Amino acid sequence: QKQVVESGGDLVQPGGYLRLSCSASGFTLDPYDIGWYRRVPGKEREGVSCTSSTDHSTHYADFVKGRFTVSRENGKNTAYLQMSGLKPEDTAVYYCGAFRGRCEDRYLESWGLGTPVMVYS
């Protein structure tokens, strides 16, 4: 079974730092686009980033540019989302997914159950 599991979420003060992990099992992440997104109760899902499997470029949402950075360790079959300068509005459950293309739902191969991040002031 293709599965990804997120981890690393925590409760932090504004300005804090977290690194979220997205570990895959049952398949390798390398051929897939990797998307990170977040969801807050009462709001629609927000895309955070999408990394292309072909050229390895990453598109970041405007609200995280300069603060969040994605990376991947293929040897560990794990993708990461590094978050710095966290703000209260970053509070959400963060999810990752492996996509066959464009980080679009119709191309979804596997996704995780999310890891919660809470930033309080």
N, C-alpha and C. Protein backbone atom coordinates (compact mmCIF):
# COMPACT_ATOMS: atom_id res chain seq x y z
N GLN A 1 0.84 -1.18 0.00
CA GLN A 1 0.00 0.00 0.00
C GLN A 1 0.88 1.24 0.00
N LYS A 2 0.56 2.18 -0.86
CA LYS A 2 1.28 3.44 -0.92
C LYS A 2 0.77 4.35 0.18
N GLN A 3 1.70 4.85 0.98
CA GLN A 3 1.31 5.62 2.15
C GLN A 3 2.36 6.68 2.44
N VAL A 4 1.91 7.85 2.89
CA VAL A 4 2.80 8.87 3.41
C VAL A 4 2.32 9.24 4.81
N VAL A 5 3.26 9.57 5.67
CA VAL A 5 2.96 9.93 7.05
C VAL A 5 3.68 11.22 7.39
N GLU A 6 2.92 12.20 7.82
CA GLU A 6 3.50 13.48 8.23
C GLU A 6 3.85 13.44 9.72
N SER A 7 4.86 14.20 10.08
CA SER A 7 5.24 14.32 11.48
C SER A 7 5.96 15.65 11.68
N GLY A 8 6.16 16.03 12.92
CA GLY A 8 6.93 17.21 13.25
C GLY A 8 6.11 18.40 13.71
N GLY A 9 4.80 18.33 13.61
CA GLY A 9 3.98 19.43 14.07
C GLY A 9 4.07 19.60 15.57
N ASP A 10 3.89 20.84 16.02
CA ASP A 10 4.04 21.12 17.44
C ASP A 10 3.38 22.45 17.76
N LEU A 11 3.41 22.79 19.02
CA LEU A 11 2.94 24.07 19.51
C LEU A 11 4.15 24.97 19.71
N VAL A 12 4.16 26.13 19.04
CA VAL A 12 5.32 27.02 19.11
C VAL A 12 4.88 28.47 19.28
N GLN A 13 5.80 29.28 19.74
CA GLN A 13 5.57 30.71 19.86
C GLN A 13 5.74 31.40 18.50
N PRO A 14 5.11 32.54 18.29
CA PRO A 14 5.35 33.29 17.06
C PRO A 14 6.84 33.53 16.84
N GLY A 15 7.25 33.43 15.59
CA GLY A 15 8.65 33.55 15.25
C GLY A 15 9.42 32.25 15.35
N GLY A 16 8.77 31.20 15.77
CA GLY A 16 9.42 29.92 15.96
C GLY A 16 9.70 29.18 14.67
N TYR A 17 10.32 28.03 14.83
CA TYR A 17 10.76 27.20 13.71
C TYR A 17 10.29 25.77 13.90
N LEU A 18 9.87 25.15 12.81
CA LEU A 18 9.52 23.74 12.79
C LEU A 18 9.95 23.14 11.47
N ARG A 19 10.28 21.87 11.49
CA ARG A 19 10.50 21.11 10.26
C ARG A 19 9.55 19.93 10.25
N LEU A 20 8.69 19.92 9.26
CA LEU A 20 7.76 18.84 9.09
C LEU A 20 8.34 17.79 8.15
N SER A 21 8.04 16.54 8.42
CA SER A 21 8.52 15.45 7.61
C SER A 21 7.36 14.74 6.94
N CYS A 22 7.62 14.24 5.76
CA CYS A 22 6.64 13.47 4.99
C CYS A 22 7.35 12.21 4.53
N SER A 23 7.12 11.12 5.24
CA SER A 23 7.81 9.87 4.96
C SER A 23 6.91 8.92 4.18
N ALA A 24 7.45 8.35 3.13
CA ALA A 24 6.69 7.46 2.27
C ALA A 24 7.05 6.01 2.55
N SER A 25 6.08 5.15 2.40
CA SER A 25 6.29 3.72 2.49
C SER A 25 5.47 3.04 1.40
N GLY A 26 5.98 1.92 0.93
CA GLY A 26 5.30 1.20 -0.12
C GLY A 26 5.58 1.70 -1.52
N PHE A 27 6.30 2.78 -1.63
CA PHE A 27 6.67 3.35 -2.92
C PHE A 27 7.76 4.37 -2.70
N THR A 28 8.37 4.81 -3.78
CA THR A 28 9.39 5.85 -3.69
C THR A 28 8.80 7.18 -4.13
N LEU A 29 9.17 8.23 -3.43
CA LEU A 29 8.67 9.57 -3.73
C LEU A 29 9.29 10.17 -4.98
N ASP A 30 10.42 9.67 -5.38
CA ASP A 30 11.21 10.33 -6.42
C ASP A 30 10.43 10.67 -7.69
N PRO A 31 9.60 9.79 -8.23
CA PRO A 31 8.92 10.11 -9.49
C PRO A 31 7.71 11.03 -9.34
N TYR A 32 7.37 11.43 -8.14
CA TYR A 32 6.14 12.15 -7.91
C TYR A 32 6.35 13.62 -7.61
N ASP A 33 5.39 14.43 -8.03
CA ASP A 33 5.29 15.78 -7.50
C ASP A 33 4.90 15.68 -6.03
N ILE A 34 5.46 16.55 -5.21
CA ILE A 34 5.15 16.57 -3.79
C ILE A 34 4.48 17.89 -3.44
N GLY A 35 3.29 17.79 -2.91
CA GLY A 35 2.56 18.98 -2.52
C GLY A 35 2.35 19.05 -1.02
N TRP A 36 2.50 20.23 -0.48
CA TRP A 36 2.15 20.52 0.90
C TRP A 36 0.97 21.46 0.92
N TYR A 37 0.05 21.21 1.80
CA TYR A 37 -1.08 22.11 1.95
C TYR A 37 -1.52 22.13 3.41
N ARG A 38 -2.38 23.06 3.73
CA ARG A 38 -2.83 23.18 5.10
C ARG A 38 -4.32 23.50 5.12
N ARG A 39 -4.91 23.18 6.26
CA ARG A 39 -6.33 23.42 6.40
C ARG A 39 -6.65 23.89 7.81
N VAL A 40 -7.49 24.90 7.89
CA VAL A 40 -7.97 25.46 9.15
C VAL A 40 -9.48 25.28 9.19
N PRO A 41 -10.03 24.90 10.34
CA PRO A 41 -11.49 24.78 10.43
C PRO A 41 -12.18 26.05 10.00
N GLY A 42 -13.20 25.91 9.16
CA GLY A 42 -13.94 27.05 8.68
C GLY A 42 -13.35 27.71 7.45
N LYS A 43 -12.22 27.22 6.97
CA LYS A 43 -11.58 27.77 5.78
C LYS A 43 -11.30 26.67 4.77
N GLU A 44 -11.19 27.07 3.53
CA GLU A 44 -10.85 26.12 2.48
C GLU A 44 -9.38 25.73 2.57
N ARG A 45 -9.08 24.58 2.03
CA ARG A 45 -7.71 24.11 1.99
C ARG A 45 -6.83 25.09 1.24
N GLU A 46 -5.63 25.32 1.75
CA GLU A 46 -4.68 26.23 1.13
C GLU A 46 -3.45 25.46 0.66
N GLY A 47 -3.07 25.69 -0.57
CA GLY A 47 -1.84 25.12 -1.06
C GLY A 47 -0.64 25.87 -0.49
N VAL A 48 0.34 25.13 -0.04
CA VAL A 48 1.56 25.71 0.52
C VAL A 48 2.70 25.67 -0.49
N SER A 49 2.91 24.51 -1.09
CA SER A 49 3.98 24.37 -2.05
C SER A 49 3.71 23.18 -2.96
N CYS A 50 4.37 23.18 -4.09
CA CYS A 50 4.33 22.05 -5.00
C CYS A 50 5.69 21.92 -5.67
N THR A 51 6.28 20.76 -5.57
CA THR A 51 7.59 20.50 -6.15
C THR A 51 7.45 19.56 -7.33
N SER A 52 7.98 19.96 -8.46
CA SER A 52 7.90 19.16 -9.67
C SER A 52 8.87 17.99 -9.61
N SER A 53 8.42 16.84 -10.08
CA SER A 53 9.27 15.67 -10.15
C SER A 53 10.19 15.69 -11.36
N THR A 54 9.91 16.56 -12.32
CA THR A 54 10.68 16.59 -13.54
C THR A 54 11.87 17.54 -13.47
N ASP A 55 11.65 18.77 -13.05
CA ASP A 55 12.75 19.72 -12.96
C ASP A 55 13.11 20.10 -11.52
N HIS A 56 12.39 19.56 -10.56
CA HIS A 56 12.66 19.75 -9.13
C HIS A 56 12.44 21.17 -8.65
N SER A 57 11.77 21.97 -9.45
CA SER A 57 11.45 23.32 -9.03
C SER A 57 10.25 23.30 -8.09
N THR A 58 10.16 24.31 -7.26
CA THR A 58 9.10 24.39 -6.27
C THR A 58 8.35 25.71 -6.40
N HIS A 59 7.05 25.62 -6.43
CA HIS A 59 6.20 26.79 -6.36
C HIS A 59 5.72 26.95 -4.93
N TYR A 60 5.90 28.15 -4.38
CA TYR A 60 5.46 28.46 -3.03
C TYR A 60 4.30 29.43 -3.07
N ALA A 61 3.37 29.22 -2.17
CA ALA A 61 2.30 30.20 -2.01
C ALA A 61 2.88 31.52 -1.54
N ASP A 62 2.26 32.62 -1.95
CA ASP A 62 2.78 33.94 -1.60
C ASP A 62 2.90 34.13 -0.10
N PHE A 63 1.98 33.57 0.64
CA PHE A 63 1.97 33.83 2.08
C PHE A 63 3.06 33.09 2.84
N VAL A 64 3.82 32.23 2.18
CA VAL A 64 4.92 31.53 2.85
C VAL A 64 6.28 31.81 2.22
N LYS A 65 6.31 32.52 1.12
CA LYS A 65 7.58 32.80 0.46
C LYS A 65 8.54 33.53 1.40
N GLY A 66 9.77 33.06 1.42
CA GLY A 66 10.77 33.65 2.29
C GLY A 66 10.78 33.10 3.69
N ARG A 67 9.78 32.31 4.02
CA ARG A 67 9.70 31.74 5.37
C ARG A 67 9.73 30.21 5.36
N PHE A 68 9.10 29.61 4.36
CA PHE A 68 9.04 28.15 4.27
C PHE A 68 9.93 27.67 3.14
N THR A 69 10.56 26.52 3.34
CA THR A 69 11.43 25.92 2.34
C THR A 69 11.20 24.42 2.32
N VAL A 70 11.09 23.86 1.12
CA VAL A 70 10.92 22.42 1.00
C VAL A 70 12.24 21.78 0.60
N SER A 71 12.39 20.52 0.94
CA SER A 71 13.56 19.75 0.57
C SER A 71 13.17 18.29 0.53
N ARG A 72 14.12 17.47 0.11
CA ARG A 72 13.85 16.04 0.03
C ARG A 72 15.14 15.27 0.18
N GLU A 73 15.08 14.17 0.90
CA GLU A 73 16.18 13.24 1.01
C GLU A 73 15.72 11.93 0.39
N ASN A 74 16.12 11.72 -0.85
CA ASN A 74 15.66 10.54 -1.57
C ASN A 74 16.12 9.25 -0.90
N GLY A 75 17.31 9.28 -0.30
CA GLY A 75 17.81 8.09 0.37
C GLY A 75 16.96 7.67 1.54
N LYS A 76 16.26 8.62 2.14
CA LYS A 76 15.35 8.33 3.25
C LYS A 76 13.91 8.29 2.81
N ASN A 77 13.67 8.53 1.52
CA ASN A 77 12.32 8.52 0.98
C ASN A 77 11.42 9.46 1.77
N THR A 78 11.95 10.63 2.07
CA THR A 78 11.27 11.58 2.93
C THR A 78 11.39 12.99 2.36
N ALA A 79 10.29 13.71 2.40
CA ALA A 79 10.27 15.11 2.03
C ALA A 79 10.08 15.96 3.29
N TYR A 80 10.53 17.21 3.22
CA TYR A 80 10.50 18.08 4.38
C TYR A 80 9.92 19.43 4.03
N LEU A 81 9.29 20.03 5.00
CA LEU A 81 8.84 21.41 4.93
C LEU A 81 9.42 22.14 6.12
N GLN A 82 10.38 23.03 5.87
CA GLN A 82 10.98 23.83 6.92
C GLN A 82 10.23 25.14 7.04
N MET A 83 9.82 25.46 8.23
CA MET A 83 9.02 26.64 8.48
C MET A 83 9.71 27.50 9.52
N SER A 84 9.98 28.74 9.16
CA SER A 84 10.58 29.69 10.08
C SER A 84 9.72 30.94 10.13
N GLY A 85 9.98 31.75 11.12
CA GLY A 85 9.19 32.97 11.27
C GLY A 85 7.70 32.69 11.35
N LEU A 86 7.34 31.67 12.08
CA LEU A 86 5.94 31.26 12.13
C LEU A 86 5.06 32.33 12.73
N LYS A 87 3.88 32.45 12.16
CA LYS A 87 2.90 33.43 12.58
C LYS A 87 1.65 32.73 13.09
N PRO A 88 0.87 33.40 13.93
CA PRO A 88 -0.37 32.78 14.39
C PRO A 88 -1.27 32.31 13.26
N GLU A 89 -1.28 33.02 12.15
CA GLU A 89 -2.11 32.63 11.02
C GLU A 89 -1.61 31.38 10.30
N ASP A 90 -0.42 30.90 10.66
CA ASP A 90 0.08 29.65 10.12
C ASP A 90 -0.50 28.44 10.84
N THR A 91 -1.21 28.68 11.91
CA THR A 91 -1.83 27.59 12.65
C THR A 91 -2.78 26.81 11.74
N ALA A 92 -2.54 25.52 11.63
CA ALA A 92 -3.33 24.68 10.74
C ALA A 92 -2.85 23.24 10.87
N VAL A 93 -3.58 22.34 10.25
CA VAL A 93 -3.10 20.99 10.06
C VAL A 93 -2.42 20.94 8.70
N TYR A 94 -1.19 20.47 8.68
CA TYR A 94 -0.40 20.44 7.45
C TYR A 94 -0.36 19.03 6.89
N TYR A 95 -0.56 18.93 5.60
CA TYR A 95 -0.62 17.66 4.89
C TYR A 95 0.38 17.64 3.76
N CYS A 96 0.85 16.47 3.41
CA CYS A 96 1.63 16.30 2.21
C CYS A 96 0.98 15.23 1.34
N GLY A 97 1.24 15.31 0.07
CA GLY A 97 0.72 14.33 -0.86
C GLY A 97 1.68 14.09 -2.00
N ALA A 98 1.65 12.88 -2.51
CA ALA A 98 2.40 12.51 -3.69
C ALA A 98 1.45 12.50 -4.88
N PHE A 99 1.81 13.22 -5.91
CA PHE A 99 0.95 13.39 -7.07
C PHE A 99 1.65 12.94 -8.33
N ARG A 100 0.88 12.41 -9.24
CA ARG A 100 1.42 12.02 -10.53
C ARG A 100 1.68 13.20 -11.44
N GLY A 101 1.16 14.38 -11.04
CA GLY A 101 1.42 15.59 -11.79
C GLY A 101 0.67 16.78 -11.23
N ARG A 102 1.29 17.92 -11.25
CA ARG A 102 0.66 19.22 -11.01
C ARG A 102 0.07 19.41 -9.63
N CYS A 103 0.34 18.53 -8.71
CA CYS A 103 -0.22 18.62 -7.35
C CYS A 103 -1.73 18.85 -7.40
N GLU A 104 -2.37 18.21 -8.33
CA GLU A 104 -3.82 18.30 -8.48
C GLU A 104 -4.48 17.02 -7.97
N ASP A 105 -5.66 17.19 -7.39
CA ASP A 105 -6.34 16.07 -6.76
C ASP A 105 -6.54 14.90 -7.71
N ARG A 106 -6.79 15.17 -8.96
CA ARG A 106 -7.04 14.09 -9.91
C ARG A 106 -5.81 13.25 -10.16
N TYR A 107 -4.63 13.76 -9.79
CA TYR A 107 -3.38 13.04 -9.96
C TYR A 107 -2.85 12.48 -8.64
N LEU A 108 -3.63 12.55 -7.59
CA LEU A 108 -3.17 12.12 -6.29
C LEU A 108 -2.86 10.63 -6.26
N GLU A 109 -1.69 10.29 -5.78
CA GLU A 109 -1.30 8.90 -5.61
C GLU A 109 -1.45 8.46 -4.15
N SER A 110 -1.04 9.32 -3.25
CA SER A 110 -1.15 9.03 -1.83
C SER A 110 -1.03 10.32 -1.04
N TRP A 111 -1.67 10.36 0.10
CA TRP A 111 -1.58 11.51 0.98
C TRP A 111 -1.66 11.07 2.41
N GLY A 112 -1.22 11.93 3.31
CA GLY A 112 -1.20 11.59 4.71
C GLY A 112 -2.38 12.15 5.47
N LEU A 113 -2.39 11.88 6.76
CA LEU A 113 -3.47 12.33 7.63
C LEU A 113 -3.18 13.68 8.27
N GLY A 114 -2.01 14.21 8.07
CA GLY A 114 -1.68 15.54 8.53
C GLY A 114 -0.99 15.57 9.88
N THR A 115 -0.34 16.69 10.14
CA THR A 115 0.29 16.94 11.42
C THR A 115 -0.07 18.37 11.84
N PRO A 116 -0.52 18.56 13.07
CA PRO A 116 -0.99 19.88 13.47
C PRO A 116 0.14 20.81 13.90
N VAL A 117 0.01 22.06 13.47
CA VAL A 117 0.92 23.13 13.87
C VAL A 117 0.09 24.23 14.52
N MET A 118 0.49 24.62 15.70
CA MET A 118 -0.20 25.71 16.37
C MET A 118 0.81 26.77 16.79
N VAL A 119 0.55 28.00 16.38
CA VAL A 119 1.39 29.13 16.72
C VAL A 119 0.54 30.10 17.54
N TYR A 120 0.94 30.33 18.76
CA TYR A 120 0.15 31.18 19.64
C TYR A 120 0.96 32.39 20.10
N SER A 121 0.25 33.46 20.35
CA SER A 121 0.88 34.69 20.79
C SER A 121 0.53 34.99 22.23
